[in-house]
Amino acid sequence: METAEDRALDLARAIVDVLDEHKGEDILLLDLHGVCTFTDYFVLCSGASERTLRALADEVMRRLKRDRRLHPRGREGEPSSGWLLLDYGDVILHLLSDELRRYYRLEDVWRAGKVVLRVQ
């Protein structure tokens, strides 16, 4: 029987697949079990432009709605800001411009998390 943890990892991997298929850059899946109290996984992804960030967010939302009947619990940021966040509860997706990804270094902030996979 599939557990909630299995479902969360499956969702995170599905998000990674969509990002990879649609030219997301430097995709990182972090397991935050035991490190973070508000989510189980972070997916970090860079986009080369506002247009790319918007397209990635739109495609993730479209595919998860179509394939899993899931809607984000929350959406923060705008492509023009260089950072969009889609909150799916157990999985939070961060879409960042290259510049903001280097500036905020979320990989370092959450370095206690375990790298599940990285697609470069």
PDB file of N, CA and C in Angstrom:
ATOM      1  N   MET A   1       0.835  -1.187   0.000  1.00  0.00           N
ATOM      2  CA  MET A   1       0.000   0.000   0.000  1.00  0.00           C
ATOM      3  C   MET A   1       0.878   1.249   0.000  1.00  0.00           C
ATOM      4  N   GLU A   2       0.504   2.217  -0.812  1.00  0.00           N
ATOM      5  CA  GLU A   2       1.269   3.448  -0.926  1.00  0.00           C
ATOM      6  C   GLU A   2       1.049   4.338   0.292  1.00  0.00           C
ATOM      7  N   THR A   3       2.141   4.838   0.855  1.00  0.00           N
ATOM      8  CA  THR A   3       2.066   5.712   2.022  1.00  0.00           C
ATOM      9  C   THR A   3       2.021   7.173   1.579  1.00  0.00           C
ATOM     10  N   ALA A   4       1.724   8.049   2.528  1.00  0.00           N
ATOM     11  CA  ALA A   4       1.728   9.491   2.248  1.00  0.00           C
ATOM     12  C   ALA A   4       3.122   9.930   1.806  1.00  0.00           C
ATOM     13  N   GLU A   5       4.142   9.341   2.402  1.00  0.00           N
ATOM     14  CA  GLU A   5       5.515   9.677   2.029  1.00  0.00           C
ATOM     15  C   GLU A   5       5.802   9.261   0.584  1.00  0.00           C
ATOM     16  N   ASP A   6       5.305   8.075   0.199  1.00  0.00           N
ATOM     17  CA  ASP A   6       5.460   7.618  -1.189  1.00  0.00           C
ATOM     18  C   ASP A   6       4.763   8.571  -2.153  1.00  0.00           C
ATOM     19  N   ARG A   7       3.560   9.000  -1.799  1.00  0.00           N
ATOM     20  CA  ARG A   7       2.799   9.907  -2.660  1.00  0.00           C
ATOM     21  C   ARG A   7       3.505  11.256  -2.807  1.00  0.00           C
ATOM     22  N   ALA A   8       4.083  11.739  -1.715  1.00  0.00           N
ATOM     23  CA  ALA A   8       4.789  13.022  -1.764  1.00  0.00           C
ATOM     24  C   ALA A   8       6.011  12.925  -2.675  1.00  0.00           C
ATOM     25  N   LEU A   9       6.773  11.849  -2.551  1.00  0.00           N
ATOM     26  CA  LEU A   9       7.946  11.679  -3.405  1.00  0.00           C
ATOM     27  C   LEU A   9       7.525  11.515  -4.861  1.00  0.00           C
ATOM     28  N   ASP A  10       6.457  10.782  -5.106  1.00  0.00           N
ATOM     29  CA  ASP A  10       5.945  10.607  -6.466  1.00  0.00           C
ATOM     30  C   ASP A  10       5.531  11.953  -7.064  1.00  0.00           C
ATOM     31  N   LEU A  11       4.878  12.786  -6.274  1.00  0.00           N
ATOM     32  CA  LEU A  11       4.487  14.122  -6.729  1.00  0.00           C
ATOM     33  C   LEU A  11       5.724  14.958  -7.046  1.00  0.00           C
ATOM     34  N   ALA A  12       6.708  14.928  -6.161  1.00  0.00           N
ATOM     35  CA  ALA A  12       7.934  15.700  -6.380  1.00  0.00           C
ATOM     36  C   ALA A  12       8.623  15.264  -7.669  1.00  0.00           C
ATOM     37  N   ARG A  13       8.692  13.960  -7.898  1.00  0.00           N
ATOM     38  CA  ARG A  13       9.321  13.450  -9.124  1.00  0.00           C
ATOM     39  C   ARG A  13       8.518  13.840 -10.369  1.00  0.00           C
ATOM     40  N   ALA A  14       7.196  13.854 -10.249  1.00  0.00           N
ATOM     41  CA  ALA A  14       6.360  14.275 -11.379  1.00  0.00           C
ATOM     42  C   ALA A  14       6.631  15.738 -11.727  1.00  0.00           C
ATOM     43  N   ILE A  15       6.792  16.570 -10.714  1.00  0.00           N
ATOM     44  CA  ILE A  15       7.117  17.986 -10.940  1.00  0.00           C
ATOM     45  C   ILE A  15       8.469  18.109 -11.633  1.00  0.00           C
ATOM     46  N   VAL A  16       9.453  17.357 -11.152  1.00  0.00           N
ATOM     47  CA  VAL A  16      10.782  17.366 -11.775  1.00  0.00           C
ATOM     48  C   VAL A  16      10.682  16.965 -13.246  1.00  0.00           C
ATOM     49  N   ASP A  17       9.897  15.934 -13.538  1.00  0.00           N
ATOM     50  CA  ASP A  17       9.748  15.477 -14.925  1.00  0.00           C
ATOM     51  C   ASP A  17       9.177  16.574 -15.820  1.00  0.00           C
ATOM     52  N   VAL A  18       8.148  17.269 -15.342  1.00  0.00           N
ATOM     53  CA  VAL A  18       7.552  18.358 -16.131  1.00  0.00           C
ATOM     54  C   VAL A  18       8.587  19.454 -16.373  1.00  0.00           C
ATOM     55  N   LEU A  19       9.310  19.827 -15.339  1.00  0.00           N
ATOM     56  CA  LEU A  19      10.319  20.879 -15.474  1.00  0.00           C
ATOM     57  C   LEU A  19      11.400  20.474 -16.466  1.00  0.00           C
ATOM     58  N   ASP A  20      11.850  19.236 -16.380  1.00  0.00           N
ATOM     59  CA  ASP A  20      12.892  18.746 -17.276  1.00  0.00           C
ATOM     60  C   ASP A  20      12.398  18.725 -18.726  1.00  0.00           C
ATOM     61  N   GLU A  21      11.171  18.309 -18.935  1.00  0.00           N
ATOM     62  CA  GLU A  21      10.593  18.258 -20.285  1.00  0.00           C
ATOM     63  C   GLU A  21      10.445  19.648 -20.903  1.00  0.00           C
ATOM     64  N   HIS A  22      10.327  20.671 -20.057  1.00  0.00           N
ATOM     65  CA  HIS A  22      10.051  22.022 -20.555  1.00  0.00           C
ATOM     66  C   HIS A  22      11.201  22.998 -20.308  1.00  0.00           C
ATOM     67  N   LYS A  23      12.410  22.470 -20.342  1.00  0.00           N
ATOM     68  CA  LYS A  23      13.623  23.285 -20.330  1.00  0.00           C
ATOM     69  C   LYS A  23      13.905  24.014 -19.025  1.00  0.00           C
ATOM     70  N   GLY A  24      13.449  23.456 -17.917  1.00  0.00           N
ATOM     71  CA  GLY A  24      13.888  23.972 -16.634  1.00  0.00           C
ATOM     72  C   GLY A  24      15.378  23.697 -16.491  1.00  0.00           C
ATOM     73  N   GLU A  25      16.078  24.546 -15.784  1.00  0.00           N
ATOM     74  CA  GLU A  25      17.529  24.414 -15.647  1.00  0.00           C
ATOM     75  C   GLU A  25      17.908  24.143 -14.197  1.00  0.00           C
ATOM     76  N   ASP A  26      18.978  23.371 -14.037  1.00  0.00           N
ATOM     77  CA  ASP A  26      19.543  23.075 -12.710  1.00  0.00           C
ATOM     78  C   ASP A  26      18.443  22.697 -11.716  1.00  0.00           C
ATOM     79  N   ILE A  27      17.741  21.622 -12.021  1.00  0.00           N
ATOM     80  CA  ILE A  27      16.617  21.163 -11.204  1.00  0.00           C
ATOM     81  C   ILE A  27      17.155  20.344 -10.038  1.00  0.00           C
ATOM     82  N   LEU A  28      16.707  20.669  -8.846  1.00  0.00           N
ATOM     83  CA  LEU A  28      17.170  19.990  -7.640  1.00  0.00           C
ATOM     84  C   LEU A  28      15.969  19.568  -6.810  1.00  0.00           C
ATOM     85  N   LEU A  29      15.950  18.301  -6.415  1.00  0.00           N
ATOM     86  CA  LEU A  29      14.913  17.770  -5.527  1.00  0.00           C
ATOM     87  C   LEU A  29      15.556  17.487  -4.183  1.00  0.00           C
ATOM     88  N   LEU A  30      15.086  18.185  -3.151  1.00  0.00           N
ATOM     89  CA  LEU A  30      15.613  18.040  -1.792  1.00  0.00           C
ATOM     90  C   LEU A  30      14.593  17.369  -0.888  1.00  0.00           C
ATOM     91  N   ASP A  31      15.033  16.362  -0.163  1.00  0.00           N
ATOM     92  CA  ASP A  31      14.220  15.694   0.855  1.00  0.00           C
ATOM     93  C   ASP A  31      14.452  16.431   2.169  1.00  0.00           C
ATOM     94  N   LEU A  32      13.396  16.999   2.723  1.00  0.00           N
ATOM     95  CA  LEU A  32      13.514  17.803   3.941  1.00  0.00           C
ATOM     96  C   LEU A  32      12.898  17.124   5.161  1.00  0.00           C
ATOM     97  N   HIS A  33      12.644  15.818   5.070  1.00  0.00           N
ATOM     98  CA  HIS A  33      12.117  15.094   6.236  1.00  0.00           C
ATOM     99  C   HIS A  33      13.075  15.274   7.418  1.00  0.00           C
ATOM    100  N   GLY A  34      12.535  15.622   8.560  1.00  0.00           N
ATOM    101  CA  GLY A  34      13.341  15.800   9.757  1.00  0.00           C
ATOM    102  C   GLY A  34      14.088  17.116   9.810  1.00  0.00           C
ATOM    103  N   VAL A  35      13.991  17.909   8.759  1.00  0.00           N
ATOM    104  CA  VAL A  35      14.697  19.189   8.687  1.00  0.00           C
ATOM    105  C   VAL A  35      13.710  20.347   8.706  1.00  0.00           C
ATOM    106  N   CYS A  36      12.571  20.135   8.099  1.00  0.00           N
ATOM    107  CA  CYS A  36      11.572  21.180   7.888  1.00  0.00           C
ATOM    108  C   CYS A  36      10.219  20.699   8.413  1.00  0.00           C
ATOM    109  N   THR A  37       9.481  21.573   9.063  1.00  0.00           N
ATOM    110  CA  THR A  37       8.187  21.180   9.635  1.00  0.00           C
ATOM    111  C   THR A  37       7.002  21.467   8.722  1.00  0.00           C
ATOM    112  N   PHE A  38       7.188  22.268   7.669  1.00  0.00           N
ATOM    113  CA  PHE A  38       6.033  22.676   6.864  1.00  0.00           C
ATOM    114  C   PHE A  38       5.932  21.985   5.505  1.00  0.00           C
ATOM    115  N   THR A  39       6.927  21.202   5.131  1.00  0.00           N
ATOM    116  CA  THR A  39       6.867  20.455   3.867  1.00  0.00           C
ATOM    117  C   THR A  39       7.858  19.311   3.921  1.00  0.00           C
ATOM    118  N   ASP A  40       7.707  18.367   2.994  1.00  0.00           N
ATOM    119  CA  ASP A  40       8.618  17.224   2.930  1.00  0.00           C
ATOM    120  C   ASP A  40       9.691  17.391   1.864  1.00  0.00           C
ATOM    121  N   TYR A  41       9.348  18.071   0.777  1.00  0.00           N
ATOM    122  CA  TYR A  41      10.278  18.208  -0.345  1.00  0.00           C
ATOM    123  C   TYR A  41      10.259  19.620  -0.905  1.00  0.00           C
ATOM    124  N   PHE A  42      11.438  20.072  -1.323  1.00  0.00           N
ATOM    125  CA  PHE A  42      11.582  21.272  -2.129  1.00  0.00           C
ATOM    126  C   PHE A  42      12.034  20.827  -3.510  1.00  0.00           C
ATOM    127  N   VAL A  43      11.463  21.439  -4.530  1.00  0.00           N
ATOM    128  CA  VAL A  43      11.998  21.329  -5.881  1.00  0.00           C
ATOM    129  C   VAL A  43      12.462  22.730  -6.251  1.00  0.00           C
ATOM    130  N   LEU A  44      13.735  22.862  -6.597  1.00  0.00           N
ATOM    131  CA  LEU A  44      14.305  24.135  -7.022  1.00  0.00           C
ATOM    132  C   LEU A  44      14.606  24.044  -8.507  1.00  0.00           C
ATOM    133  N   CYS A  45      14.312  25.106  -9.226  1.00  0.00           N
ATOM    134  CA  CYS A  45      14.540  25.110 -10.670  1.00  0.00           C
ATOM    135  C   CYS A  45      14.826  26.533 -11.122  1.00  0.00           C
ATOM    136  N   SER A  46      15.800  26.671 -11.999  1.00  0.00           N
ATOM    137  CA  SER A  46      16.122  27.973 -12.578  1.00  0.00           C
ATOM    138  C   SER A  46      15.475  28.106 -13.945  1.00  0.00           C
ATOM    139  N   GLY A  47      15.165  29.357 -14.282  1.00  0.00           N
ATOM    140  CA  GLY A  47      14.638  29.681 -15.608  1.00  0.00           C
ATOM    141  C   GLY A  47      15.400  30.859 -16.169  1.00  0.00           C
ATOM    142  N   ALA A  48      15.646  30.832 -17.465  1.00  0.00           N
ATOM    143  CA  ALA A  48      16.497  31.832 -18.102  1.00  0.00           C
ATOM    144  C   ALA A  48      15.827  33.195 -18.273  1.00  0.00           C
ATOM    145  N   SER A  49      14.496  33.236 -18.195  1.00  0.00           N
ATOM    146  CA  SER A  49      13.799  34.502 -18.437  1.00  0.00           C
ATOM    147  C   SER A  49      12.454  34.503 -17.712  1.00  0.00           C
ATOM    148  N   GLU A  50      11.833  35.690 -17.664  1.00  0.00           N
ATOM    149  CA  GLU A  50      10.478  35.791 -17.097  1.00  0.00           C
ATOM    150  C   GLU A  50       9.532  34.861 -17.839  1.00  0.00           C
ATOM    151  N   ARG A  51       9.658  34.858 -19.146  1.00  0.00           N
ATOM    152  CA  ARG A  51       8.787  34.022 -19.976  1.00  0.00           C
ATOM    153  C   ARG A  51       8.948  32.540 -19.624  1.00  0.00           C
ATOM    154  N   THR A  52      10.179  32.117 -19.430  1.00  0.00           N
ATOM    155  CA  THR A  52      10.439  30.722 -19.071  1.00  0.00           C
ATOM    156  C   THR A  52       9.859  30.398 -17.706  1.00  0.00           C
ATOM    157  N   LEU A  53      10.057  31.272 -16.735  1.00  0.00           N
ATOM    158  CA  LEU A  53       9.513  31.035 -15.394  1.00  0.00           C
ATOM    159  C   LEU A  53       7.995  30.903 -15.443  1.00  0.00           C
ATOM    160  N   ARG A  54       7.352  31.781 -16.183  1.00  0.00           N
ATOM    161  CA  ARG A  54       5.888  31.737 -16.314  1.00  0.00           C
ATOM    162  C   ARG A  54       5.456  30.432 -16.983  1.00  0.00           C
ATOM    163  N   ALA A  55       6.134  30.073 -18.065  1.00  0.00           N
ATOM    164  CA  ALA A  55       5.771  28.855 -18.798  1.00  0.00           C
ATOM    165  C   ALA A  55       5.954  27.612 -17.928  1.00  0.00           C
ATOM    166  N   LEU A  56       7.025  27.563 -17.155  1.00  0.00           N
ATOM    167  CA  LEU A  56       7.260  26.414 -16.276  1.00  0.00           C
ATOM    168  C   LEU A  56       6.170  26.307 -15.214  1.00  0.00           C
ATOM    169  N   ALA A  57       5.846  27.424 -14.576  1.00  0.00           N
ATOM    170  CA  ALA A  57       4.795  27.412 -13.548  1.00  0.00           C
ATOM    171  C   ALA A  57       3.459  27.001 -14.150  1.00  0.00           C
ATOM    172  N   ASP A  58       3.127  27.578 -15.291  1.00  0.00           N
ATOM    173  CA  ASP A  58       1.850  27.258 -15.935  1.00  0.00           C
ATOM    174  C   ASP A  58       1.769  25.786 -16.311  1.00  0.00           C
ATOM    175  N   GLU A  59       2.861  25.242 -16.835  1.00  0.00           N
ATOM    176  CA  GLU A  59       2.845  23.841 -17.261  1.00  0.00           C
ATOM    177  C   GLU A  59       2.757  22.891 -16.069  1.00  0.00           C
ATOM    178  N   VAL A  60       3.466  23.186 -14.989  1.00  0.00           N
ATOM    179  CA  VAL A  60       3.354  22.342 -13.789  1.00  0.00           C
ATOM    180  C   VAL A  60       1.913  22.355 -13.290  1.00  0.00           C
ATOM    181  N   MET A  61       1.312  23.537 -13.185  1.00  0.00           N
ATOM    182  CA  MET A  61      -0.071  23.616 -12.705  1.00  0.00           C
ATOM    183  C   MET A  61      -1.034  22.893 -13.643  1.00  0.00           C
ATOM    184  N   ARG A  62      -0.847  23.062 -14.942  1.00  0.00           N
ATOM    185  CA  ARG A  62      -1.722  22.411 -15.919  1.00  0.00           C
ATOM    186  C   ARG A  62      -1.626  20.890 -15.828  1.00  0.00           C
ATOM    187  N   ARG A  63      -0.396  20.384 -15.773  1.00  0.00           N
ATOM    188  CA  ARG A  63      -0.208  18.929 -15.754  1.00  0.00           C
ATOM    189  C   ARG A  63      -0.699  18.303 -14.459  1.00  0.00           C
ATOM    190  N   LEU A  64      -0.441  18.954 -13.325  1.00  0.00           N
ATOM    191  CA  LEU A  64      -0.889  18.378 -12.056  1.00  0.00           C
ATOM    192  C   LEU A  64      -2.406  18.435 -11.942  1.00  0.00           C
ATOM    193  N   LYS A  65      -3.010  19.465 -12.496  1.00  0.00           N
ATOM    194  CA  LYS A  65      -4.473  19.544 -12.512  1.00  0.00           C
ATOM    195  C   LYS A  65      -5.047  18.441 -13.396  1.00  0.00           C
ATOM    196  N   ARG A  66      -4.471  18.284 -14.582  1.00  0.00           N
ATOM    197  CA  ARG A  66      -4.973  17.287 -15.534  1.00  0.00           C
ATOM    198  C   ARG A  66      -4.725  15.850 -15.060  1.00  0.00           C
ATOM    199  N   ASP A  67      -3.503  15.575 -14.633  1.00  0.00           N
ATOM    200  CA  ASP A  67      -3.114  14.198 -14.331  1.00  0.00           C
ATOM    201  C   ASP A  67      -3.460  13.747 -12.920  1.00  0.00           C
ATOM    202  N   ARG A  68      -3.514  14.693 -11.972  1.00  0.00           N
ATOM    203  CA  ARG A  68      -3.690  14.319 -10.569  1.00  0.00           C
ATOM    204  C   ARG A  68      -4.828  15.060  -9.878  1.00  0.00           C
ATOM    205  N   ARG A  69      -5.475  15.941 -10.615  1.00  0.00           N
ATOM    206  CA  ARG A  69      -6.542  16.772 -10.047  1.00  0.00           C
ATOM    207  C   ARG A  69      -6.051  17.575  -8.831  1.00  0.00           C
ATOM    208  N   LEU A  70      -4.827  18.051  -8.929  1.00  0.00           N
ATOM    209  CA  LEU A  70      -4.218  18.829  -7.854  1.00  0.00           C
ATOM    210  C   LEU A  70      -4.107  20.289  -8.259  1.00  0.00           C
ATOM    211  N   HIS A  71      -4.390  21.147  -7.310  1.00  0.00           N
ATOM    212  CA  HIS A  71      -4.205  22.586  -7.466  1.00  0.00           C
ATOM    213  C   HIS A  71      -3.253  23.031  -6.363  1.00  0.00           C
ATOM    214  N   PRO A  72      -2.410  24.019  -6.641  1.00  0.00           N
ATOM    215  CA  PRO A  72      -1.529  24.491  -5.570  1.00  0.00           C
ATOM    216  C   PRO A  72      -2.338  25.103  -4.432  1.00  0.00           C
ATOM    217  N   ARG A  73      -1.879  24.870  -3.216  1.00  0.00           N
ATOM    218  CA  ARG A  73      -2.511  25.496  -2.042  1.00  0.00           C
ATOM    219  C   ARG A  73      -2.237  26.985  -2.033  1.00  0.00           C
ATOM    220  N   GLY A  74      -1.105  27.332  -2.605  1.00  0.00           N
ATOM    221  CA  GLY A  74      -0.722  28.734  -2.668  1.00  0.00           C
ATOM    222  C   GLY A  74       0.225  28.977  -3.817  1.00  0.00           C
ATOM    223  N   ARG A  75       0.214  30.206  -4.274  1.00  0.00           N
ATOM    224  CA  ARG A  75       1.143  30.641  -5.321  1.00  0.00           C
ATOM    225  C   ARG A  75       1.635  32.012  -4.904  1.00  0.00           C
ATOM    226  N   GLU A  76       2.937  32.162  -4.867  1.00  0.00           N
ATOM    227  CA  GLU A  76       3.544  33.434  -4.464  1.00  0.00           C
ATOM    228  C   GLU A  76       4.510  33.894  -5.543  1.00  0.00           C
ATOM    229  N   GLY A  77       4.629  35.190  -5.677  1.00  0.00           N
ATOM    230  CA  GLY A  77       5.590  35.767  -6.602  1.00  0.00           C
ATOM    231  C   GLY A  77       5.061  35.882  -8.015  1.00  0.00           C
ATOM    232  N   GLU A  78       5.824  36.592  -8.812  1.00  0.00           N
ATOM    233  CA  GLU A  78       5.510  36.826 -10.221  1.00  0.00           C
ATOM    234  C   GLU A  78       6.774  36.597 -11.032  1.00  0.00           C
ATOM    235  N   PRO A  79       6.628  36.217 -12.287  1.00  0.00           N
ATOM    236  CA  PRO A  79       7.821  36.034 -13.114  1.00  0.00           C
ATOM    237  C   PRO A  79       8.715  37.276 -13.143  1.00  0.00           C
ATOM    238  N   SER A  80       8.108  38.459 -13.125  1.00  0.00           N
ATOM    239  CA  SER A  80       8.897  39.695 -13.165  1.00  0.00           C
ATOM    240  C   SER A  80       9.768  39.881 -11.928  1.00  0.00           C
ATOM    241  N   SER A  81       9.403  39.229 -10.825  1.00  0.00           N
ATOM    242  CA  SER A  81      10.207  39.327  -9.603  1.00  0.00           C
ATOM    243  C   SER A  81      11.390  38.369  -9.631  1.00  0.00           C
ATOM    244  N   GLY A  82      11.334  37.376 -10.521  1.00  0.00           N
ATOM    245  CA  GLY A  82      12.411  36.394 -10.596  1.00  0.00           C
ATOM    246  C   GLY A  82      12.237  35.215  -9.668  1.00  0.00           C
ATOM    247  N   TRP A  83      11.120  35.146  -8.946  1.00  0.00           N
ATOM    248  CA  TRP A  83      10.903  34.030  -8.018  1.00  0.00           C
ATOM    249  C   TRP A  83       9.414  33.730  -7.937  1.00  0.00           C
ATOM    250  N   LEU A  84       9.055  32.511  -8.297  1.00  0.00           N
ATOM    251  CA  LEU A  84       7.684  32.022  -8.147  1.00  0.00           C
ATOM    252  C   LEU A  84       7.719  30.802  -7.244  1.00  0.00           C
ATOM    253  N   LEU A  85       6.724  30.691  -6.413  1.00  0.00           N
ATOM    254  CA  LEU A  85       6.613  29.552  -5.510  1.00  0.00           C
ATOM    255  C   LEU A  85       5.230  28.930  -5.697  1.00  0.00           C
ATOM    256  N   LEU A  86       5.198  27.617  -5.890  1.00  0.00           N
ATOM    257  CA  LEU A  86       3.945  26.863  -5.939  1.00  0.00           C
ATOM    258  C   LEU A  86       3.951  25.894  -4.771  1.00  0.00           C
ATOM    259  N   ASP A  87       2.971  26.024  -3.898  1.00  0.00           N
ATOM    260  CA  ASP A  87       2.886  25.211  -2.685  1.00  0.00           C
ATOM    261  C   ASP A  87       1.865  24.096  -2.886  1.00  0.00           C
ATOM    262  N   TYR A  88       2.360  22.873  -2.953  1.00  0.00           N
ATOM    263  CA  TYR A  88       1.490  21.703  -3.067  1.00  0.00           C
ATOM    264  C   TYR A  88       1.457  20.923  -1.750  1.00  0.00           C
ATOM    265  N   GLY A  89       1.697  21.595  -0.647  1.00  0.00           N
ATOM    266  CA  GLY A  89       1.640  20.955   0.659  1.00  0.00           C
ATOM    267  C   GLY A  89       2.917  20.200   0.965  1.00  0.00           C
ATOM    268  N   ASP A  90       2.948  18.926   0.611  1.00  0.00           N
ATOM    269  CA  ASP A  90       4.123  18.097   0.882  1.00  0.00           C
ATOM    270  C   ASP A  90       5.301  18.436  -0.022  1.00  0.00           C
ATOM    271  N   VAL A  91       5.027  19.157  -1.094  1.00  0.00           N
ATOM    272  CA  VAL A  91       6.068  19.547  -2.053  1.00  0.00           C
ATOM    273  C   VAL A  91       5.902  21.031  -2.368  1.00  0.00           C
ATOM    274  N   ILE A  92       6.999  21.765  -2.253  1.00  0.00           N
ATOM    275  CA  ILE A  92       6.997  23.183  -2.612  1.00  0.00           C
ATOM    276  C   ILE A  92       7.983  23.381  -3.751  1.00  0.00           C
ATOM    277  N   LEU A  93       7.497  23.995  -4.816  1.00  0.00           N
ATOM    278  CA  LEU A  93       8.323  24.281  -5.989  1.00  0.00           C
ATOM    279  C   LEU A  93       8.768  25.734  -5.957  1.00  0.00           C
ATOM    280  N   HIS A  94      10.075  25.931  -6.086  1.00  0.00           N
ATOM    281  CA  HIS A  94      10.662  27.265  -6.198  1.00  0.00           C
ATOM    282  C   HIS A  94      11.213  27.413  -7.614  1.00  0.00           C
ATOM    283  N   LEU A  95      10.675  28.349  -8.364  1.00  0.00           N
ATOM    284  CA  LEU A  95      11.177  28.681  -9.693  1.00  0.00           C
ATOM    285  C   LEU A  95      11.872  30.030  -9.590  1.00  0.00           C
ATOM    286  N   LEU A  96      13.162  30.059  -9.916  1.00  0.00           N
ATOM    287  CA  LEU A  96      13.954  31.270  -9.714  1.00  0.00           C
ATOM    288  C   LEU A  96      14.755  31.632 -10.952  1.00  0.00           C
ATOM    289  N   SER A  97      14.965  32.940 -11.113  1.00  0.00           N
ATOM    290  CA  SER A  97      15.914  33.389 -12.132  1.00  0.00           C
ATOM    291  C   SER A  97      17.304  32.939 -11.687  1.00  0.00           C
ATOM    292  N   ASP A  98      18.229  32.863 -12.649  1.00  0.00           N
ATOM    293  CA  ASP A  98      19.598  32.471 -12.302  1.00  0.00           C
ATOM    294  C   ASP A  98      20.186  33.419 -11.258  1.00  0.00           C
ATOM    295  N   GLU A  99      19.929  34.712 -11.445  1.00  0.00           N
ATOM    296  CA  GLU A  99      20.477  35.726 -10.542  1.00  0.00           C
ATOM    297  C   GLU A  99      19.974  35.533  -9.107  1.00  0.00           C
ATOM    298  N   LEU A 100      18.667  35.354  -8.940  1.00  0.00           N
ATOM    299  CA  LEU A 100      18.130  35.178  -7.584  1.00  0.00           C
ATOM    300  C   LEU A 100      18.524  33.829  -6.995  1.00  0.00           C
ATOM    301  N   ARG A 101      18.662  32.824  -7.835  1.00  0.00           N
ATOM    302  CA  ARG A 101      19.104  31.515  -7.332  1.00  0.00           C
ATOM    303  C   ARG A 101      20.510  31.642  -6.751  1.00  0.00           C
ATOM    304  N   ARG A 102      21.381  32.350  -7.423  1.00  0.00           N
ATOM    305  CA  ARG A 102      22.740  32.556  -6.900  1.00  0.00           C
ATOM    306  C   ARG A 102      22.712  33.427  -5.642  1.00  0.00           C
ATOM    307  N   TYR A 103      21.853  34.429  -5.621  1.00  0.00           N
ATOM    308  CA  TYR A 103      21.790  35.351  -4.486  1.00  0.00           C
ATOM    309  C   TYR A 103      21.268  34.670  -3.225  1.00  0.00           C
ATOM    310  N   TYR A 104      20.144  33.964  -3.328  1.00  0.00           N
ATOM    311  CA  TYR A 104      19.513  33.380  -2.138  1.00  0.00           C
ATOM    312  C   TYR A 104      20.111  32.039  -1.730  1.00  0.00           C
ATOM    313  N   ARG A 105      20.703  31.329  -2.669  1.00  0.00           N
ATOM    314  CA  ARG A 105      21.403  30.072  -2.377  1.00  0.00           C
ATOM    315  C   ARG A 105      20.584  29.152  -1.462  1.00  0.00           C
ATOM    316  N   LEU A 106      19.372  28.857  -1.882  1.00  0.00           N
ATOM    317  CA  LEU A 106      18.493  28.003  -1.076  1.00  0.00           C
ATOM    318  C   LEU A 106      19.094  26.630  -0.815  1.00  0.00           C
ATOM    319  N   GLU A 107      19.918  26.155  -1.748  1.00  0.00           N
ATOM    320  CA  GLU A 107      20.597  24.877  -1.526  1.00  0.00           C
ATOM    321  C   GLU A 107      21.447  24.922  -0.264  1.00  0.00           C
ATOM    322  N   ASP A 108      22.077  26.071  -0.023  1.00  0.00           N
ATOM    323  CA  ASP A 108      22.905  26.222   1.173  1.00  0.00           C
ATOM    324  C   ASP A 108      22.054  26.418   2.424  1.00  0.00           C
ATOM    325  N   VAL A 109      20.986  27.196   2.294  1.00  0.00           N
ATOM    326  CA  VAL A 109      20.092  27.425   3.437  1.00  0.00           C
ATOM    327  C   VAL A 109      19.528  26.097   3.937  1.00  0.00           C
ATOM    328  N   TRP A 110      19.185  25.206   3.005  1.00  0.00           N
ATOM    329  CA  TRP A 110      18.576  23.916   3.346  1.00  0.00           C
ATOM    330  C   TRP A 110      19.556  22.762   3.154  1.00  0.00           C
ATOM    331  N   ARG A 111      20.852  23.016   3.384  1.00  0.00           N
ATOM    332  CA  ARG A 111      21.874  21.995   3.142  1.00  0.00           C
ATOM    333  C   ARG A 111      21.728  20.760   4.018  1.00  0.00           C
ATOM    334  N   ALA A 112      20.981  20.858   5.111  1.00  0.00           N
ATOM    335  CA  ALA A 112      20.742  19.673   5.947  1.00  0.00           C
ATOM    336  C   ALA A 112      19.800  18.689   5.260  1.00  0.00           C
ATOM    337  N   GLY A 113      19.110  19.150   4.225  1.00  0.00           N
ATOM    338  CA  GLY A 113      18.246  18.256   3.453  1.00  0.00           C
ATOM    339  C   GLY A 113      19.082  17.327   2.587  1.00  0.00           C
ATOM    340  N   LYS A 114      18.462  16.235   2.189  1.00  0.00           N
ATOM    341  CA  LYS A 114      19.147  15.232   1.373  1.00  0.00           C
ATOM    342  C   LYS A 114      18.819  15.471  -0.103  1.00  0.00           C
ATOM    343  N   VAL A 115      19.850  15.528  -0.932  1.00  0.00           N
ATOM    344  CA  VAL A 115      19.640  15.660  -2.372  1.00  0.00           C
ATOM    345  C   VAL A 115      19.132  14.320  -2.898  1.00  0.00           C
ATOM    346  N   VAL A 116      17.904  14.323  -3.412  1.00  0.00           N
ATOM    347  CA  VAL A 116      17.319  13.110  -3.985  1.00  0.00           C
ATOM    348  C   VAL A 116      17.774  12.965  -5.428  1.00  0.00           C
ATOM    349  N   LEU A 117      17.722  14.073  -6.171  1.00  0.00           N
ATOM    350  CA  LEU A 117      18.234  14.060  -7.541  1.00  0.00           C
ATOM    351  C   LEU A 117      18.492  15.470  -8.010  1.00  0.00           C
ATOM    352  N   ARG A 118      19.368  15.546  -9.000  1.00  0.00           N
ATOM    353  CA  ARG A 118      19.702  16.833  -9.614  1.00  0.00           C
ATOM    354  C   ARG A 118      19.770  16.622 -11.117  1.00  0.00           C
ATOM    355  N   VAL A 119      19.086  17.483 -11.859  1.00  0.00           N
ATOM    356  CA  VAL A 119      19.103  17.438 -13.318  1.00  0.00           C
ATOM    357  C   VAL A 119      19.717  18.745 -13.786  1.00  0.00           C
ATOM    358  N   GLN A 120      20.860  18.650 -14.468  1.00  0.00           N
ATOM    359  CA  GLN A 120      21.531  19.875 -14.912  1.00  0.00           C
ATOM    360  C   GLN A 120      21.484  20.024 -16.398  1.00  0.00           C
TER     361      GLN A 120
END
